[in-house]
């Protein structure tokens, strides 16, 4: 693979991994007005997908080409 493509895949993969982990870890949305408490629970499936795609991009960027 071309060195530029590997660099782009590595940077994209790292950014996707960081964003996926961040979106997985951020707390759920909470709104409290007086005695009324509204809590929205986040669905983590998109975070897992983002982490998986980021991991795949990092692995693809580290694969060596033909010698």
Protein backbone atom coordinates (compact mmCIF):
# COMPACT_ATOMS: atom_id res chain seq x y z
CA UNK A 1 0.00 0.00 0.00
CA UNK A 2 1.05 3.57 -0.54
CA UNK A 3 2.66 5.32 2.43
CA UNK A 4 0.19 8.23 2.23
CA UNK A 5 -2.79 5.85 2.34
CA UNK A 6 -1.32 4.07 5.36
CA UNK A 7 -0.81 7.38 7.16
CA UNK A 8 -4.39 8.49 6.43
CA UNK A 9 -5.75 5.11 7.61
CA UNK A 10 -3.68 5.30 10.81
CA UNK A 11 -4.78 8.83 11.68
CA UNK A 12 -8.41 8.09 10.80
CA UNK A 13 -8.33 4.87 12.81
CA UNK A 14 -6.90 6.57 15.89
CA UNK A 15 -9.48 9.37 15.67
CA UNK A 16 -12.33 6.88 15.29
CA UNK A 17 -11.07 4.86 18.26
CA UNK A 18 -10.84 7.95 20.43
CA UNK A 19 -14.27 9.20 19.39
CA UNK A 20 -15.84 5.77 19.93
CA UNK A 21 -14.35 5.43 23.40
CA UNK A 22 -15.37 8.99 24.29
CA UNK A 23 -18.95 8.45 23.16
CA UNK A 24 -19.05 5.19 25.11
CA UNK A 25 -17.79 6.75 28.33
CA UNK A 26 -19.66 10.08 28.45
CA UNK A 27 -22.42 10.03 31.02
CA UNK A 28 -26.04 9.71 30.10
CA UNK A 29 -28.11 12.85 29.63
CA UNK A 30 -29.87 13.95 32.80
CA UNK A 31 -32.35 16.77 33.27
CA UNK A 32 -33.88 17.50 36.64
CA UNK A 33 -36.56 20.13 37.18
CA UNK A 34 -37.72 20.19 40.79
CA UNK A 35 -38.91 16.68 41.62
CA UNK A 36 -39.10 15.62 37.96
CA UNK A 37 -35.97 13.79 36.77
CA UNK A 38 -35.58 12.85 33.12
CA UNK A 39 -32.82 10.42 32.21
CA UNK A 40 -32.05 9.38 28.64
CA UNK A 41 -30.04 6.19 28.38
CA UNK A 42 -27.69 6.10 25.39
CA UNK A 43 -27.56 3.15 22.99
CA UNK A 44 -23.92 2.08 22.78
CA UNK A 45 -24.19 0.11 19.52
CA UNK A 46 -22.94 3.05 17.43
CA UNK A 47 -19.97 3.45 19.80
CA UNK A 48 -19.03 -0.21 19.38
CA UNK A 49 -19.30 0.13 15.60
CA UNK A 50 -17.10 3.24 15.60
CA UNK A 51 -14.49 1.50 17.76
CA UNK A 52 -14.55 -1.56 15.47
CA UNK A 53 -14.09 0.49 12.30
CA UNK A 54 -11.28 2.46 13.96
CA UNK A 55 -9.55 -0.74 15.03
CA UNK A 56 -9.89 -2.16 11.51
CA UNK A 57 -8.40 1.01 10.00
CA UNK A 58 -5.42 0.88 12.38
CA UNK A 59 -4.81 -2.81 11.59
CA UNK A 60 -5.01 -2.15 7.84
CA UNK A 61 -2.54 0.71 8.16
CA UNK A 62 -0.02 -1.53 9.95
CA UNK A 63 -0.09 -4.35 7.36
CA UNK A 64 3.17 -4.53 5.48
CA UNK A 65 3.20 -4.45 1.70
CA UNK A 66 5.22 -6.62 -0.68
CA UNK A 67 8.95 -6.67 -0.01
